[in-house]
Structure formats: structure tokens, C-alpha cells
Amino acid sequence: MPIVVNLDKVLNERGMKSYELADIIGITTANLSILKTGKAKAIRFSTLEAICEALDCQPSDILEYVSS
């Protein structure tokens, strides 16, 4: 898949655990795990916005396009 999710990397840089982020943005840890592993087929802009706000980052810090 040409879209890579770098959420683990950003979480590590911020010293935050997945369950903490899930609690802050109001989604389940299971749904966050699906997003982190790249298994999600889509992400709502409101969820992406909440992640960026919680991690003080840009969408491009989390999502990366890699040509195949």
C-alpha cells in the first residue's frame, strides 16, 4: 500500500502511549490499532485533526505516500 502510517513513530517522539492518545481523541484502542497498523481503509478528517492536535503535529508527520 503506498500510504504509510507513521503514528507509532510520532507517538514515540512525544513519549505517549497508544491508550493515552485513544483516550484524548475519544476513540477505542482497537480502532487506533487498526489505524496504526495501516489496516484502516479510511480516516475521518475530524479524527486526523484530533490526532494532530493531541500530538502537536501535521498530517504529513503521520501519513506518508511511498510510491510502489
PDB file of N, CA and C in Angstrom:
ATOM      1  N   MET A   1       0.846  -1.179   0.000  1.00  0.00           N
ATOM      2  CA  MET A   1       0.000   0.000   0.000  1.00  0.00           C
ATOM      3  C   MET A   1       0.893   1.245   0.000  1.00  0.00           C
ATOM      4  N   PRO A   2       0.640   2.185  -0.885  1.00  0.00           N
ATOM      5  CA  PRO A   2       1.527   3.337  -0.997  1.00  0.00           C
ATOM      6  C   PRO A   2       1.383   4.374   0.127  1.00  0.00           C
ATOM      7  N   ILE A   3       0.357   4.282   0.982  1.00  0.00           N
ATOM      8  CA  ILE A   3       0.225   5.191   2.113  1.00  0.00           C
ATOM      9  C   ILE A   3       0.739   4.489   3.364  1.00  0.00           C
ATOM     10  N   VAL A   4       1.743   5.081   3.993  1.00  0.00           N
ATOM     11  CA  VAL A   4       2.351   4.520   5.196  1.00  0.00           C
ATOM     12  C   VAL A   4       1.911   5.367   6.391  1.00  0.00           C
ATOM     13  N   VAL A   5       1.499   4.710   7.461  1.00  0.00           N
ATOM     14  CA  VAL A   5       1.080   5.398   8.686  1.00  0.00           C
ATOM     15  C   VAL A   5       2.247   5.382   9.667  1.00  0.00           C
ATOM     16  N   ASN A   6       2.730   6.565  10.013  1.00  0.00           N
ATOM     17  CA  ASN A   6       3.868   6.709  10.917  1.00  0.00           C
ATOM     18  C   ASN A   6       3.436   7.121  12.323  1.00  0.00           C
ATOM     19  N   LEU A   7       2.277   6.690  12.742  1.00  0.00           N
ATOM     20  CA  LEU A   7       1.735   7.098  14.029  1.00  0.00           C
ATOM     21  C   LEU A   7       2.595   6.597  15.187  1.00  0.00           C
ATOM     22  N   ASP A   8       3.100   5.381  15.113  1.00  0.00           N
ATOM     23  CA  ASP A   8       3.970   4.854  16.172  1.00  0.00           C
ATOM     24  C   ASP A   8       5.204   5.731  16.364  1.00  0.00           C
ATOM     25  N   LYS A   9       5.776   6.154  15.256  1.00  0.00           N
ATOM     26  CA  LYS A   9       6.972   6.997  15.301  1.00  0.00           C
ATOM     27  C   LYS A   9       6.691   8.312  16.020  1.00  0.00           C
ATOM     28  N   VAL A  10       5.576   8.941  15.681  1.00  0.00           N
ATOM     29  CA  VAL A  10       5.223  10.219  16.299  1.00  0.00           C
ATOM     30  C   VAL A  10       4.882  10.022  17.776  1.00  0.00           C
ATOM     31  N   LEU A  11       4.169   8.940  18.090  1.00  0.00           N
ATOM     32  CA  LEU A  11       3.864   8.647  19.493  1.00  0.00           C
ATOM     33  C   LEU A  11       5.148   8.482  20.306  1.00  0.00           C
ATOM     34  N   ASN A  12       6.099   7.751  19.770  1.00  0.00           N
ATOM     35  CA  ASN A  12       7.380   7.553  20.462  1.00  0.00           C
ATOM     36  C   ASN A  12       8.121   8.871  20.662  1.00  0.00           C
ATOM     37  N   GLU A  13       8.105   9.717  19.634  1.00  0.00           N
ATOM     38  CA  GLU A  13       8.778  11.017  19.733  1.00  0.00           C
ATOM     39  C   GLU A  13       8.151  11.885  20.815  1.00  0.00           C
ATOM     40  N   ARG A  14       6.838  11.722  21.017  1.00  0.00           N
ATOM     41  CA  ARG A  14       6.122  12.540  22.010  1.00  0.00           C
ATOM     42  C   ARG A  14       6.069  11.865  23.386  1.00  0.00           C
ATOM     43  N   GLY A  15       6.566  10.649  23.477  1.00  0.00           N
ATOM     44  CA  GLY A  15       6.544   9.926  24.738  1.00  0.00           C
ATOM     45  C   GLY A  15       5.142   9.584  25.200  1.00  0.00           C
ATOM     46  N   MET A  16       4.272   9.288  24.236  1.00  0.00           N
ATOM     47  CA  MET A  16       2.874   8.992  24.538  1.00  0.00           C
ATOM     48  C   MET A  16       2.549   7.558  24.153  1.00  0.00           C
ATOM     49  N   LYS A  17       1.712   6.927  24.935  1.00  0.00           N
ATOM     50  CA  LYS A  17       1.253   5.569  24.659  1.00  0.00           C
ATOM     51  C   LYS A  17      -0.028   5.620  23.836  1.00  0.00           C
ATOM     52  N   SER A  18      -0.292   4.546  23.109  1.00  0.00           N
ATOM     53  CA  SER A  18      -1.483   4.472  22.261  1.00  0.00           C
ATOM     54  C   SER A  18      -2.768   4.666  23.053  1.00  0.00           C
ATOM     55  N   TYR A  19      -2.846   4.024  24.222  1.00  0.00           N
ATOM     56  CA  TYR A  19      -4.074   4.131  25.004  1.00  0.00           C
ATOM     57  C   TYR A  19      -4.308   5.563  25.485  1.00  0.00           C
ATOM     58  N   GLU A  20      -3.226   6.319  25.717  1.00  0.00           N
ATOM     59  CA  GLU A  20      -3.362   7.716  26.126  1.00  0.00           C
ATOM     60  C   GLU A  20      -3.937   8.550  24.982  1.00  0.00           C
ATOM     61  N   LEU A  21      -3.408   8.337  23.782  1.00  0.00           N
ATOM     62  CA  LEU A  21      -3.910   9.062  22.617  1.00  0.00           C
ATOM     63  C   LEU A  21      -5.364   8.710  22.346  1.00  0.00           C
ATOM     64  N   ALA A  22      -5.685   7.423  22.416  1.00  0.00           N
ATOM     65  CA  ALA A  22      -7.068   6.991  22.172  1.00  0.00           C
ATOM     66  C   ALA A  22      -8.013   7.668  23.149  1.00  0.00           C
ATOM     67  N   ASP A  23      -7.614   7.777  24.405  1.00  0.00           N
ATOM     68  CA  ASP A  23      -8.442   8.418  25.419  1.00  0.00           C
ATOM     69  C   ASP A  23      -8.611   9.909  25.127  1.00  0.00           C
ATOM     70  N   ILE A  24      -7.534  10.575  24.734  1.00  0.00           N
ATOM     71  CA  ILE A  24      -7.573  12.009  24.453  1.00  0.00           C
ATOM     72  C   ILE A  24      -8.484  12.318  23.272  1.00  0.00           C
ATOM     73  N   ILE A  25      -8.382  11.516  22.207  1.00  0.00           N
ATOM     74  CA  ILE A  25      -9.144  11.827  20.987  1.00  0.00           C
ATOM     75  C   ILE A  25     -10.512  11.168  20.950  1.00  0.00           C
ATOM     76  N   GLY A  26     -10.786  10.288  21.911  1.00  0.00           N
ATOM     77  CA  GLY A  26     -12.123   9.720  22.019  1.00  0.00           C
ATOM     78  C   GLY A  26     -12.441   8.581  21.068  1.00  0.00           C
ATOM     79  N   ILE A  27     -11.442   7.734  20.783  1.00  0.00           N
ATOM     80  CA  ILE A  27     -11.710   6.522  20.003  1.00  0.00           C
ATOM     81  C   ILE A  27     -11.214   5.321  20.793  1.00  0.00           C
ATOM     82  N   THR A  28     -11.630   4.150  20.393  1.00  0.00           N
ATOM     83  CA  THR A  28     -11.198   2.951  21.102  1.00  0.00           C
ATOM     84  C   THR A  28      -9.743   2.624  20.753  1.00  0.00           C
ATOM     85  N   THR A  29      -9.098   1.911  21.650  1.00  0.00           N
ATOM     86  CA  THR A  29      -7.722   1.491  21.371  1.00  0.00           C
ATOM     87  C   THR A  29      -7.693   0.522  20.194  1.00  0.00           C
ATOM     88  N   ALA A  30      -8.773  -0.239  20.018  1.00  0.00           N
ATOM     89  CA  ALA A  30      -8.842  -1.169  18.882  1.00  0.00           C
ATOM     90  C   ALA A  30      -8.858  -0.395  17.565  1.00  0.00           C
ATOM     91  N   ASN A  31      -9.646   0.667  17.492  1.00  0.00           N
ATOM     92  CA  ASN A  31      -9.691   1.469  16.259  1.00  0.00           C
ATOM     93  C   ASN A  31      -8.374   2.190  16.017  1.00  0.00           C
ATOM     94  N   LEU A  32      -7.733   2.640  17.084  1.00  0.00           N
ATOM     95  CA  LEU A  32      -6.432   3.281  16.923  1.00  0.00           C
ATOM     96  C   LEU A  32      -5.406   2.272  16.431  1.00  0.00           C
ATOM     97  N   SER A  33      -5.483   1.050  16.924  1.00  0.00           N
ATOM     98  CA  SER A  33      -4.576  -0.009  16.486  1.00  0.00           C
ATOM     99  C   SER A  33      -4.747  -0.302  15.001  1.00  0.00           C
ATOM    100  N   ILE A  34      -5.986  -0.328  14.538  1.00  0.00           N
ATOM    101  CA  ILE A  34      -6.262  -0.549  13.110  1.00  0.00           C
ATOM    102  C   ILE A  34      -5.622   0.556  12.277  1.00  0.00           C
ATOM    103  N   LEU A  35      -5.708   1.773  12.755  1.00  0.00           N
ATOM    104  CA  LEU A  35      -5.096   2.893  12.047  1.00  0.00           C
ATOM    105  C   LEU A  35      -3.578   2.779  12.074  1.00  0.00           C
ATOM    106  N   LYS A  36      -3.009   2.483  13.236  1.00  0.00           N
ATOM    107  CA  LYS A  36      -1.552   2.399  13.373  1.00  0.00           C
ATOM    108  C   LYS A  36      -0.927   1.319  12.498  1.00  0.00           C
ATOM    109  N   THR A  37      -1.626   0.208  12.339  1.00  0.00           N
ATOM    110  CA  THR A  37      -1.069  -0.896  11.563  1.00  0.00           C
ATOM    111  C   THR A  37      -1.278  -0.740  10.063  1.00  0.00           C
ATOM    112  N   GLY A  38      -1.966   0.327   9.661  1.00  0.00           N
ATOM    113  CA  GLY A  38      -2.197   0.561   8.239  1.00  0.00           C
ATOM    114  C   GLY A  38      -3.333  -0.262   7.664  1.00  0.00           C
ATOM    115  N   LYS A  39      -4.138  -0.888   8.515  1.00  0.00           N
ATOM    116  CA  LYS A  39      -5.250  -1.709   8.048  1.00  0.00           C
ATOM    117  C   LYS A  39      -6.520  -0.901   7.793  1.00  0.00           C
ATOM    118  N   ALA A  40      -6.525   0.346   8.213  1.00  0.00           N
ATOM    119  CA  ALA A  40      -7.704   1.198   8.011  1.00  0.00           C
ATOM    120  C   ALA A  40      -7.835   1.546   6.535  1.00  0.00           C
ATOM    121  N   LYS A  41      -9.052   1.544   6.054  1.00  0.00           N
ATOM    122  CA  LYS A  41      -9.320   1.902   4.661  1.00  0.00           C
ATOM    123  C   LYS A  41      -9.555   3.401   4.508  1.00  0.00           C
ATOM    124  N   ALA A  42      -9.874   4.064   5.619  1.00  0.00           N
ATOM    125  CA  ALA A  42     -10.162   5.497   5.584  1.00  0.00           C
ATOM    126  C   ALA A  42      -9.953   6.069   6.979  1.00  0.00           C
ATOM    127  N   ILE A  43      -9.834   7.389   7.047  1.00  0.00           N
ATOM    128  CA  ILE A  43      -9.772   8.091   8.322  1.00  0.00           C
ATOM    129  C   ILE A  43     -10.597   9.362   8.177  1.00  0.00           C
ATOM    130  N   ARG A  44     -11.394   9.641   9.178  1.00  0.00           N
ATOM    131  CA  ARG A  44     -12.200  10.869   9.163  1.00  0.00           C
ATOM    132  C   ARG A  44     -11.283  12.054   9.404  1.00  0.00           C
ATOM    133  N   PHE A  45     -11.593  13.152   8.739  1.00  0.00           N
ATOM    134  CA  PHE A  45     -10.808  14.361   8.953  1.00  0.00           C
ATOM    135  C   PHE A  45     -10.888  14.808  10.403  1.00  0.00           C
ATOM    136  N   SER A  46     -12.017  14.606  11.055  1.00  0.00           N
ATOM    137  CA  SER A  46     -12.146  15.003  12.458  1.00  0.00           C
ATOM    138  C   SER A  46     -11.206  14.179  13.335  1.00  0.00           C
ATOM    139  N   THR A  47     -11.020  12.901  13.010  1.00  0.00           N
ATOM    140  CA  THR A  47     -10.093  12.057  13.762  1.00  0.00           C
ATOM    141  C   THR A  47      -8.657  12.489  13.495  1.00  0.00           C
ATOM    142  N   LEU A  48      -8.337  12.742  12.247  1.00  0.00           N
ATOM    143  CA  LEU A  48      -6.994  13.205  11.887  1.00  0.00           C
ATOM    144  C   LEU A  48      -6.690  14.536  12.566  1.00  0.00           C
ATOM    145  N   GLU A  49      -7.654  15.418  12.583  1.00  0.00           N
ATOM    146  CA  GLU A  49      -7.488  16.713  13.247  1.00  0.00           C
ATOM    147  C   GLU A  49      -7.227  16.524  14.747  1.00  0.00           C
ATOM    148  N   ALA A  50      -7.992  15.644  15.379  1.00  0.00           N
ATOM    149  CA  ALA A  50      -7.828  15.390  16.817  1.00  0.00           C
ATOM    150  C   ALA A  50      -6.454  14.797  17.115  1.00  0.00           C
ATOM    151  N   ILE A  51      -5.987  13.885  16.259  1.00  0.00           N
ATOM    152  CA  ILE A  51      -4.658  13.291  16.429  1.00  0.00           C
ATOM    153  C   ILE A  51      -3.585  14.369  16.313  1.00  0.00           C
ATOM    154  N   CYS A  52      -3.694  15.197  15.282  1.00  0.00           N
ATOM    155  CA  CYS A  52      -2.700  16.252  15.075  1.00  0.00           C
ATOM    156  C   CYS A  52      -2.697  17.246  16.233  1.00  0.00           C
ATOM    157  N   GLU A  53      -3.875  17.564  16.744  1.00  0.00           N
ATOM    158  CA  GLU A  53      -3.956  18.487  17.876  1.00  0.00           C
ATOM    159  C   GLU A  53      -3.320  17.861  19.122  1.00  0.00           C
ATOM    160  N   ALA A  54      -3.635  16.605  19.385  1.00  0.00           N
ATOM    161  CA  ALA A  54      -3.122  15.925  20.579  1.00  0.00           C
ATOM    162  C   ALA A  54      -1.608  15.730  20.514  1.00  0.00           C
ATOM    163  N   LEU A  55      -1.086  15.483  19.320  1.00  0.00           N
ATOM    164  CA  LEU A  55       0.350  15.217  19.166  1.00  0.00           C
ATOM    165  C   LEU A  55       1.145  16.439  18.710  1.00  0.00           C
ATOM    166  N   ASP A  56       0.444  17.569  18.510  1.00  0.00           N
ATOM    167  CA  ASP A  56       1.079  18.797  18.031  1.00  0.00           C
ATOM    168  C   ASP A  56       1.933  18.509  16.787  1.00  0.00           C
ATOM    169  N   CYS A  57       1.256  17.989  15.772  1.00  0.00           N
ATOM    170  CA  CYS A  57       1.956  17.632  14.543  1.00  0.00           C
ATOM    171  C   CYS A  57       1.087  17.975  13.330  1.00  0.00           C
ATOM    172  N   GLN A  58       1.617  17.723  12.166  1.00  0.00           N
ATOM    173  CA  GLN A  58       0.913  17.928  10.907  1.00  0.00           C
ATOM    174  C   GLN A  58       0.494  16.567  10.349  1.00  0.00           C
ATOM    175  N   PRO A  59      -0.558  16.533   9.501  1.00  0.00           N
ATOM    176  CA  PRO A  59      -0.961  15.262   8.887  1.00  0.00           C
ATOM    177  C   PRO A  59       0.193  14.563   8.166  1.00  0.00           C
ATOM    178  N   SER A  60       1.090  15.338   7.580  1.00  0.00           N
ATOM    179  CA  SER A  60       2.218  14.740   6.860  1.00  0.00           C
ATOM    180  C   SER A  60       3.223  14.061   7.792  1.00  0.00           C
ATOM    181  N   ASP A  61       3.156  14.360   9.097  1.00  0.00           N
ATOM    182  CA  ASP A  61       4.005  13.664  10.063  1.00  0.00           C
ATOM    183  C   ASP A  61       3.493  12.258  10.303  1.00  0.00           C
ATOM    184  N   ILE A  62       2.196  12.067  10.092  1.00  0.00           N
ATOM    185  CA  ILE A  62       1.537  10.797  10.378  1.00  0.00           C
ATOM    186  C   ILE A  62       1.363   9.941   9.121  1.00  0.00           C
ATOM    187  N   LEU A  63       0.997  10.595   8.019  1.00  0.00           N
ATOM    188  CA  LEU A  63       0.723   9.881   6.771  1.00  0.00           C
ATOM    189  C   LEU A  63       1.792  10.210   5.735  1.00  0.00           C
ATOM    190  N   GLU A  64       2.294   9.185   5.074  1.00  0.00           N
ATOM    191  CA  GLU A  64       3.356   9.360   4.084  1.00  0.00           C
ATOM    192  C   GLU A  64       3.005   8.561   2.834  1.00  0.00           C
ATOM    193  N   TYR A  65       3.190   9.181   1.685  1.00  0.00           N
ATOM    194  CA  TYR A  65       2.991   8.484   0.409  1.00  0.00           C
ATOM    195  C   TYR A  65       4.333   7.924  -0.046  1.00  0.00           C
ATOM    196  N   VAL A  66       4.352   6.627  -0.315  1.00  0.00           N
ATOM    197  CA  VAL A  66       5.558   5.968  -0.815  1.00  0.00           C
ATOM    198  C   VAL A  66       5.178   5.302  -2.136  1.00  0.00           C
ATOM    199  N   SER A  67       5.815   5.731  -3.205  1.00  0.00           N
ATOM    200  CA  SER A  67       5.474   5.141  -4.496  1.00  0.00           C
ATOM    201  C   SER A  67       5.913   3.681  -4.546  1.00  0.00           C
ATOM    202  N   SER A  68       5.119   2.891  -5.250  1.00  0.00           N
ATOM    203  CA  SER A  68       5.408   1.447  -5.297  1.00  0.00           C
ATOM    204  C   SER A  68       6.252   1.047  -6.447  1.00  0.00           C
TER     205      SER A  68
END
